[in-house]
Amino acid sequence: MRATERLSGVGLKVTRPRLAILDVFQKHECRHLTVDDVQRWLSEHGLHIGPATIYRVLNNFTELGILSRPILDLPAAVYELEQN
């Protein structure tokens, strides 16, 4: 499913930050990503999205079932893409 369809399918407006963050989870080789991982990947690819926006988008995606937040024994919260 395309990113734009996935976002609009759950009632979210398609914005550059949302598309970029969803793209990170679709293209990154790691299954579990922290906020720092997402911000680092975005920065490495020339996209500068602030941590507050990243947190907000990740929380929205989790609430809507695009991402999940598994409880793992790690120092930081991790998120993973739901394979719907």
PDB file of N, CA and C in Angstrom:
ATOM      1  N   MET A   1       0.846  -1.177   0.000  1.00  0.00           N
ATOM      2  CA  MET A   1       0.000   0.000   0.000  1.00  0.00           C
ATOM      3  C   MET A   1       0.891   1.239   0.000  1.00  0.00           C
ATOM      4  N   ARG A   2       0.533   2.197  -0.832  1.00  0.00           N
ATOM      5  CA  ARG A   2       1.306   3.436  -0.910  1.00  0.00           C
ATOM      6  C   ARG A   2       1.111   4.254   0.352  1.00  0.00           C
ATOM      7  N   ALA A   3       2.115   5.050   0.683  1.00  0.00           N
ATOM      8  CA  ALA A   3       2.090   5.848   1.913  1.00  0.00           C
ATOM      9  C   ALA A   3       0.918   6.817   1.928  1.00  0.00           C
ATOM     10  N   THR A   4       0.659   7.473   0.800  1.00  0.00           N
ATOM     11  CA  THR A   4      -0.447   8.436   0.765  1.00  0.00           C
ATOM     12  C   THR A   4      -1.783   7.743   0.999  1.00  0.00           C
ATOM     13  N   GLU A   5      -1.954   6.559   0.442  1.00  0.00           N
ATOM     14  CA  GLU A   5      -3.190   5.795   0.646  1.00  0.00           C
ATOM     15  C   GLU A   5      -3.310   5.339   2.086  1.00  0.00           C
ATOM     16  N   ARG A   6      -2.194   4.943   2.667  1.00  0.00           N
ATOM     17  CA  ARG A   6      -2.211   4.474   4.049  1.00  0.00           C
ATOM     18  C   ARG A   6      -2.617   5.599   5.000  1.00  0.00           C
ATOM     19  N   LEU A   7      -2.083   6.790   4.784  1.00  0.00           N
ATOM     20  CA  LEU A   7      -2.408   7.925   5.649  1.00  0.00           C
ATOM     21  C   LEU A   7      -3.851   8.378   5.450  1.00  0.00           C
ATOM     22  N   SER A   8      -4.254   8.544   4.217  1.00  0.00           N
ATOM     23  CA  SER A   8      -5.625   9.005   3.980  1.00  0.00           C
ATOM     24  C   SER A   8      -6.641   7.938   4.359  1.00  0.00           C
ATOM     25  N   GLY A   9      -6.243   6.680   4.297  1.00  0.00           N
ATOM     26  CA  GLY A   9      -7.129   5.581   4.675  1.00  0.00           C
ATOM     27  C   GLY A   9      -7.500   5.571   6.145  1.00  0.00           C
ATOM     28  N   VAL A  10      -6.663   6.175   6.986  1.00  0.00           N
ATOM     29  CA  VAL A  10      -6.963   6.260   8.420  1.00  0.00           C
ATOM     30  C   VAL A  10      -7.429   7.656   8.807  1.00  0.00           C
ATOM     31  N   GLY A  11      -7.671   8.487   7.799  1.00  0.00           N
ATOM     32  CA  GLY A  11      -8.225   9.817   8.056  1.00  0.00           C
ATOM     33  C   GLY A  11      -7.218  10.909   8.344  1.00  0.00           C
ATOM     34  N   LEU A  12      -5.941  10.665   8.067  1.00  0.00           N
ATOM     35  CA  LEU A  12      -4.920  11.690   8.293  1.00  0.00           C
ATOM     36  C   LEU A  12      -4.683  12.504   7.032  1.00  0.00           C
ATOM     37  N   LYS A  13      -4.461  13.777   7.219  1.00  0.00           N
ATOM     38  CA  LYS A  13      -4.052  14.632   6.116  1.00  0.00           C
ATOM     39  C   LYS A  13      -2.634  14.217   5.712  1.00  0.00           C
ATOM     40  N   VAL A  14      -2.377  14.158   4.434  1.00  0.00           N
ATOM     41  CA  VAL A  14      -1.063  13.779   3.933  1.00  0.00           C
ATOM     42  C   VAL A  14      -0.172  15.019   3.972  1.00  0.00           C
ATOM     43  N   THR A  15       0.835  14.981   4.861  1.00  0.00           N
ATOM     44  CA  THR A  15       1.772  16.089   4.994  1.00  0.00           C
ATOM     45  C   THR A  15       3.189  15.579   4.774  1.00  0.00           C
ATOM     46  N   ARG A  16       4.104  16.501   4.485  1.00  0.00           N
ATOM     47  CA  ARG A  16       5.503  16.127   4.257  1.00  0.00           C
ATOM     48  C   ARG A  16       6.107  15.409   5.463  1.00  0.00           C
ATOM     49  N   PRO A  17       5.935  15.928   6.714  1.00  0.00           N
ATOM     50  CA  PRO A  17       6.501  15.210   7.847  1.00  0.00           C
ATOM     51  C   PRO A  17       5.927  13.800   8.017  1.00  0.00           C
ATOM     52  N   ARG A  18       4.626  13.656   7.844  1.00  0.00           N
ATOM     53  CA  ARG A  18       4.019  12.326   7.994  1.00  0.00           C
ATOM     54  C   ARG A  18       4.536  11.366   6.936  1.00  0.00           C
ATOM     55  N   LEU A  19       4.609  11.826   5.700  1.00  0.00           N
ATOM     56  CA  LEU A  19       5.128  10.964   4.638  1.00  0.00           C
ATOM     57  C   LEU A  19       6.585  10.584   4.885  1.00  0.00           C
ATOM     58  N   ALA A  20       7.384  11.553   5.309  1.00  0.00           N
ATOM     59  CA  ALA A  20       8.811  11.293   5.545  1.00  0.00           C
ATOM     60  C   ALA A  20       9.002  10.291   6.673  1.00  0.00           C
ATOM     61  N   ILE A  21       8.240  10.441   7.749  1.00  0.00           N
ATOM     62  CA  ILE A  21       8.393   9.534   8.891  1.00  0.00           C
ATOM     63  C   ILE A  21       7.903   8.136   8.538  1.00  0.00           C
ATOM     64  N   LEU A  22       6.802   8.028   7.825  1.00  0.00           N
ATOM     65  CA  LEU A  22       6.331   6.713   7.383  1.00  0.00           C
ATOM     66  C   LEU A  22       7.362   6.072   6.457  1.00  0.00           C
ATOM     67  N   ASP A  23       7.983   6.873   5.613  1.00  0.00           N
ATOM     68  CA  ASP A  23       9.013   6.390   4.700  1.00  0.00           C
ATOM     69  C   ASP A  23      10.201   5.796   5.463  1.00  0.00           C
ATOM     70  N   VAL A  24      10.562   6.403   6.572  1.00  0.00           N
ATOM     71  CA  VAL A  24      11.658   5.870   7.390  1.00  0.00           C
ATOM     72  C   VAL A  24      11.347   4.430   7.790  1.00  0.00           C
ATOM     73  N   PHE A  25      10.142   4.198   8.279  1.00  0.00           N
ATOM     74  CA  PHE A  25       9.781   2.857   8.737  1.00  0.00           C
ATOM     75  C   PHE A  25       9.666   1.866   7.586  1.00  0.00           C
ATOM     76  N   GLN A  26       9.303   2.340   6.411  1.00  0.00           N
ATOM     77  CA  GLN A  26       9.185   1.447   5.265  1.00  0.00           C
ATOM     78  C   GLN A  26      10.526   1.107   4.650  1.00  0.00           C
ATOM     79  N   LYS A  27      11.520   1.994   4.784  1.00  0.00           N
ATOM     80  CA  LYS A  27      12.810   1.785   4.126  1.00  0.00           C
ATOM     81  C   LYS A  27      13.956   1.395   5.050  1.00  0.00           C
ATOM     82  N   HIS A  28      13.820   1.646   6.338  1.00  0.00           N
ATOM     83  CA  HIS A  28      14.920   1.383   7.274  1.00  0.00           C
ATOM     84  C   HIS A  28      15.110  -0.117   7.446  1.00  0.00           C
ATOM     85  N   GLU A  29      16.359  -0.542   7.576  1.00  0.00           N
ATOM     86  CA  GLU A  29      16.648  -1.972   7.713  1.00  0.00           C
ATOM     87  C   GLU A  29      16.304  -2.535   9.093  1.00  0.00           C
ATOM     88  N   CYS A  30      16.216  -1.682  10.103  1.00  0.00           N
ATOM     89  CA  CYS A  30      15.856  -2.139  11.451  1.00  0.00           C
ATOM     90  C   CYS A  30      14.348  -2.185  11.605  1.00  0.00           C
ATOM     91  N   ARG A  31      13.877  -3.143  12.352  1.00  0.00           N
ATOM     92  CA  ARG A  31      12.448  -3.278  12.588  1.00  0.00           C
ATOM     93  C   ARG A  31      11.980  -2.323  13.677  1.00  0.00           C
ATOM     94  N   HIS A  32      12.763  -2.174  14.737  1.00  0.00           N
ATOM     95  CA  HIS A  32      12.410  -1.323  15.871  1.00  0.00           C
ATOM     96  C   HIS A  32      13.217  -0.034  15.816  1.00  0.00           C
ATOM     97  N   LEU A  33      12.513   1.103  15.826  1.00  0.00           N
ATOM     98  CA  LEU A  33      13.192   2.394  15.742  1.00  0.00           C
ATOM     99  C   LEU A  33      12.787   3.296  16.896  1.00  0.00           C
ATOM    100  N   THR A  34      13.760   4.026  17.420  1.00  0.00           N
ATOM    101  CA  THR A  34      13.492   5.032  18.442  1.00  0.00           C
ATOM    102  C   THR A  34      13.279   6.382  17.760  1.00  0.00           C
ATOM    103  N   VAL A  35      12.858   7.368  18.530  1.00  0.00           N
ATOM    104  CA  VAL A  35      12.720   8.724  18.002  1.00  0.00           C
ATOM    105  C   VAL A  35      14.068   9.214  17.479  1.00  0.00           C
ATOM    106  N   ASP A  36      15.139   8.929  18.213  1.00  0.00           N
ATOM    107  CA  ASP A  36      16.478   9.330  17.768  1.00  0.00           C
ATOM    108  C   ASP A  36      16.859   8.666  16.441  1.00  0.00           C
ATOM    109  N   ASP A  37      16.503   7.388  16.282  1.00  0.00           N
ATOM    110  CA  ASP A  37      16.776   6.698  15.016  1.00  0.00           C
ATOM    111  C   ASP A  37      16.065   7.387  13.859  1.00  0.00           C
ATOM    112  N   VAL A  38      14.797   7.737  14.072  1.00  0.00           N
ATOM    113  CA  VAL A  38      14.008   8.388  13.028  1.00  0.00           C
ATOM    114  C   VAL A  38      14.617   9.740  12.682  1.00  0.00           C
ATOM    115  N   GLN A  39      14.942  10.523  13.705  1.00  0.00           N
ATOM    116  CA  GLN A  39      15.506  11.855  13.460  1.00  0.00           C
ATOM    117  C   GLN A  39      16.852  11.753  12.745  1.00  0.00           C
ATOM    118  N   ARG A  40      17.674  10.809  13.137  1.00  0.00           N
ATOM    119  CA  ARG A  40      18.985  10.617  12.496  1.00  0.00           C
ATOM    120  C   ARG A  40      18.815  10.241  11.024  1.00  0.00           C
ATOM    121  N   TRP A  41      17.917   9.302  10.723  1.00  0.00           N
ATOM    122  CA  TRP A  41      17.702   8.867   9.349  1.00  0.00           C
ATOM    123  C   TRP A  41      17.205  10.037   8.505  1.00  0.00           C
ATOM    124  N   LEU A  42      16.253  10.800   9.038  1.00  0.00           N
ATOM    125  CA  LEU A  42      15.732  11.959   8.305  1.00  0.00           C
ATOM    126  C   LEU A  42      16.840  12.961   8.009  1.00  0.00           C
ATOM    127  N   SER A  43      17.653  13.246   9.026  1.00  0.00           N
ATOM    128  CA  SER A  43      18.743  14.201   8.873  1.00  0.00           C
ATOM    129  C   SER A  43      19.750  13.727   7.825  1.00  0.00           C
ATOM    130  N   GLU A  44      20.085  12.438   7.854  1.00  0.00           N
ATOM    131  CA  GLU A  44      21.024  11.875   6.884  1.00  0.00           C
ATOM    132  C   GLU A  44      20.498  11.967   5.455  1.00  0.00           C
ATOM    133  N   HIS A  45      19.182  12.062   5.321  1.00  0.00           N
ATOM    134  CA  HIS A  45      18.561  12.146   4.000  1.00  0.00           C
ATOM    135  C   HIS A  45      18.091  13.565   3.678  1.00  0.00           C
ATOM    136  N   GLY A  46      18.639  14.551   4.410  1.00  0.00           N
ATOM    137  CA  GLY A  46      18.391  15.950   4.099  1.00  0.00           C
ATOM    138  C   GLY A  46      17.046  16.495   4.547  1.00  0.00           C
ATOM    139  N   LEU A  47      16.374  15.800   5.438  1.00  0.00           N
ATOM    140  CA  LEU A  47      15.076  16.257   5.935  1.00  0.00           C
ATOM    141  C   LEU A  47      15.217  16.640   7.400  1.00  0.00           C
ATOM    142  N   HIS A  48      14.842  17.845   7.714  1.00  0.00           N
ATOM    143  CA  HIS A  48      14.992  18.337   9.085  1.00  0.00           C
ATOM    144  C   HIS A  48      13.611  18.549   9.694  1.00  0.00           C
ATOM    145  N   ILE A  49      13.226  17.584  10.508  1.00  0.00           N
ATOM    146  CA  ILE A  49      11.939  17.611  11.207  1.00  0.00           C
ATOM    147  C   ILE A  49      12.263  17.568  12.687  1.00  0.00           C
ATOM    148  N   GLY A  50      11.715  18.497  13.436  1.00  0.00           N
ATOM    149  CA  GLY A  50      12.014  18.606  14.864  1.00  0.00           C
ATOM    150  C   GLY A  50      11.495  17.437  15.671  1.00  0.00           C
ATOM    151  N   PRO A  51      12.118  17.203  16.832  1.00  0.00           N
ATOM    152  CA  PRO A  51      11.719  16.075  17.669  1.00  0.00           C
ATOM    153  C   PRO A  51      10.268  16.154  18.144  1.00  0.00           C
ATOM    154  N   ALA A  52       9.750  17.348  18.403  1.00  0.00           N
ATOM    155  CA  ALA A  52       8.354  17.466  18.848  1.00  0.00           C
ATOM    156  C   ALA A  52       7.405  16.965  17.763  1.00  0.00           C
ATOM    157  N   THR A  53       7.696  17.302  16.516  1.00  0.00           N
ATOM    158  CA  THR A  53       6.867  16.826  15.405  1.00  0.00           C
ATOM    159  C   THR A  53       6.989  15.322  15.256  1.00  0.00           C
ATOM    160  N   ILE A  54       8.191  14.798  15.400  1.00  0.00           N
ATOM    161  CA  ILE A  54       8.393  13.351  15.290  1.00  0.00           C
ATOM    162  C   ILE A  54       7.606  12.635  16.382  1.00  0.00           C
ATOM    163  N   TYR A  55       7.707  13.093  17.621  1.00  0.00           N
ATOM    164  CA  TYR A  55       6.942  12.479  18.713  1.00  0.00           C
ATOM    165  C   TYR A  55       5.452  12.513  18.422  1.00  0.00           C
ATOM    166  N   ARG A  56       4.962  13.665  17.971  1.00  0.00           N
ATOM    167  CA  ARG A  56       3.530  13.822  17.702  1.00  0.00           C
ATOM    168  C   ARG A  56       3.071  12.869  16.607  1.00  0.00           C
ATOM    169  N   VAL A  57       3.840  12.778  15.520  1.00  0.00           N
ATOM    170  CA  VAL A  57       3.484  11.887  14.412  1.00  0.00           C
ATOM    171  C   VAL A  57       3.542  10.431  14.858  1.00  0.00           C
ATOM    172  N   LEU A  58       4.571  10.044  15.591  1.00  0.00           N
ATOM    173  CA  LEU A  58       4.671   8.660  16.061  1.00  0.00           C
ATOM    174  C   LEU A  58       3.493   8.302  16.965  1.00  0.00           C
ATOM    175  N   ASN A  59       3.105   9.219  17.840  1.00  0.00           N
ATOM    176  CA  ASN A  59       1.950   8.959  18.704  1.00  0.00           C
ATOM    177  C   ASN A  59       0.666   8.839  17.889  1.00  0.00           C
ATOM    178  N   ASN A  60       0.481   9.727  16.901  1.00  0.00           N
ATOM    179  CA  ASN A  60      -0.697   9.631  16.023  1.00  0.00           C
ATOM    180  C   ASN A  60      -0.712   8.302  15.278  1.00  0.00           C
ATOM    181  N   PHE A  61       0.425   7.924  14.716  1.00  0.00           N
ATOM    182  CA  PHE A  61       0.514   6.666  13.973  1.00  0.00           C
ATOM    183  C   PHE A  61       0.220   5.470  14.886  1.00  0.00           C
ATOM    184  N   THR A  62       0.673   5.530  16.133  1.00  0.00           N
ATOM    185  CA  THR A  62       0.422   4.437  17.069  1.00  0.00           C
ATOM    186  C   THR A  62      -1.061   4.356  17.419  1.00  0.00           C
ATOM    187  N   GLU A  63      -1.669   5.502  17.686  1.00  0.00           N
ATOM    188  CA  GLU A  63      -3.098   5.527  18.011  1.00  0.00           C
ATOM    189  C   GLU A  63      -3.958   5.002  16.871  1.00  0.00           C
ATOM    190  N   LEU A  64      -3.527   5.216  15.634  1.00  0.00           N
ATOM    191  CA  LEU A  64      -4.306   4.817  14.468  1.00  0.00           C
ATOM    192  C   LEU A  64      -3.919   3.442  13.916  1.00  0.00           C
ATOM    193  N   GLY A  65      -2.965   2.763  14.560  1.00  0.00           N
ATOM    194  CA  GLY A  65      -2.604   1.411  14.157  1.00  0.00           C
ATOM    195  C   GLY A  65      -1.621   1.307  13.011  1.00  0.00           C
ATOM    196  N   ILE A  66      -1.004   2.416  12.617  1.00  0.00           N
ATOM    197  CA  ILE A  66       0.029   2.360  11.578  1.00  0.00           C
ATOM    198  C   ILE A  66       1.322   1.817  12.167  1.00  0.00           C
ATOM    199  N   LEU A  67       1.610   2.233  13.398  1.00  0.00           N
ATOM    200  CA  LEU A  67       2.778   1.750  14.135  1.00  0.00           C
ATOM    201  C   LEU A  67       2.304   1.079  15.414  1.00  0.00           C
ATOM    202  N   SER A  68       3.173   0.271  15.970  1.00  0.00           N
ATOM    203  CA  SER A  68       2.942  -0.247  17.320  1.00  0.00           C
ATOM    204  C   SER A  68       4.145   0.122  18.172  1.00  0.00           C
ATOM    205  N   ARG A  69       3.943   0.090  19.457  1.00  0.00           N
ATOM    206  CA  ARG A  69       5.012   0.424  20.397  1.00  0.00           C
ATOM    207  C   ARG A  69       5.193  -0.765  21.333  1.00  0.00           C
ATOM    208  N   PRO A  70       5.967  -1.756  20.899  1.00  0.00           N
ATOM    209  CA  PRO A  70       6.156  -2.953  21.726  1.00  0.00           C
ATOM    210  C   PRO A  70       6.928  -2.624  23.004  1.00  0.00           C
ATOM    211  N   ILE A  71       6.619  -3.349  24.038  1.00  0.00           N
ATOM    212  CA  ILE A  71       7.323  -3.179  25.310  1.00  0.00           C
ATOM    213  C   ILE A  71       8.553  -4.088  25.280  1.00  0.00           C
ATOM    214  N   LEU A  72       9.699  -3.473  25.164  1.00  0.00           N
ATOM    215  CA  LEU A  72      10.962  -4.204  25.124  1.00  0.00           C
ATOM    216  C   LEU A  72      11.847  -3.689  26.250  1.00  0.00           C
ATOM    217  N   ASP A  73      12.785  -4.499  26.649  1.00  0.00           N
ATOM    218  CA  ASP A  73      13.704  -4.116  27.716  1.00  0.00           C
ATOM    219  C   ASP A  73      14.835  -3.266  27.132  1.00  0.00           C
ATOM    220  N   LEU A  74      14.468  -2.048  26.716  1.00  0.00           N
ATOM    221  CA  LEU A  74      15.417  -1.116  26.121  1.00  0.00           C
ATOM    222  C   LEU A  74      15.317   0.218  26.846  1.00  0.00           C
ATOM    223  N   PRO A  75      16.372   1.031  26.817  1.00  0.00           N
ATOM    224  CA  PRO A  75      16.338   2.308  27.536  1.00  0.00           C
ATOM    225  C   PRO A  75      15.392   3.345  26.920  1.00  0.00           C
ATOM    226  N   ALA A  76      15.054   3.206  25.648  1.00  0.00           N
ATOM    227  CA  ALA A  76      14.172   4.179  24.981  1.00  0.00           C
ATOM    228  C   ALA A  76      12.998   3.438  24.347  1.00  0.00           C
ATOM    229  N   ALA A  77      11.880   4.133  24.217  1.00  0.00           N
ATOM    230  CA  ALA A  77      10.710   3.562  23.552  1.00  0.00           C
ATOM    231  C   ALA A  77      11.037   3.301  22.086  1.00  0.00           C
ATOM    232  N   VAL A  78      10.538   2.191  21.586  1.00  0.00           N
ATOM    233  CA  VAL A  78      10.725   1.850  20.180  1.00  0.00           C
ATOM    234  C   VAL A  78       9.369   1.710  19.507  1.00  0.00           C
ATOM    235  N   TYR A  79       9.382   1.911  18.210  1.00  0.00           N
ATOM    236  CA  TYR A  79       8.179   1.814  17.402  1.00  0.00           C
ATOM    237  C   TYR A  79       8.476   0.888  16.240  1.00  0.00           C
ATOM    238  N   GLU A  80       7.438   0.208  15.755  1.00  0.00           N
ATOM    239  CA  GLU A  80       7.602  -0.646  14.590  1.00  0.00           C
ATOM    240  C   GLU A  80       6.377  -0.511  13.707  1.00  0.00           C
ATOM    241  N   LEU A  81       6.586  -0.727  12.421  1.00  0.00           N
ATOM    242  CA  LEU A  81       5.524  -0.612  11.425  1.00  0.00           C
ATOM    243  C   LEU A  81       4.611  -1.816  11.529  1.00  0.00           C
ATOM    244  N   GLU A  82       3.307  -1.564  11.597  1.00  0.00           N
ATOM    245  CA  GLU A  82       2.327  -2.641  11.565  1.00  0.00           C
ATOM    246  C   GLU A  82       2.192  -3.109  10.125  1.00  0.00           C
ATOM    247  N   GLN A  83       2.178  -4.374   9.911  1.00  0.00           N
ATOM    248  CA  GLN A  83       2.096  -4.941   8.557  1.00  0.00           C
ATOM    249  C   GLN A  83       0.658  -5.266   8.208  1.00  0.00           C
ATOM    250  N   ASN A  84      -0.163  -4.236   8.047  1.00  0.00           N
ATOM    251  CA  ASN A  84      -1.588  -4.436   7.719  1.00  0.00           C
ATOM    252  C   ASN A  84      -1.773  -4.770   6.276  1.00  0.00           C
TER     253      ASN A  84
END
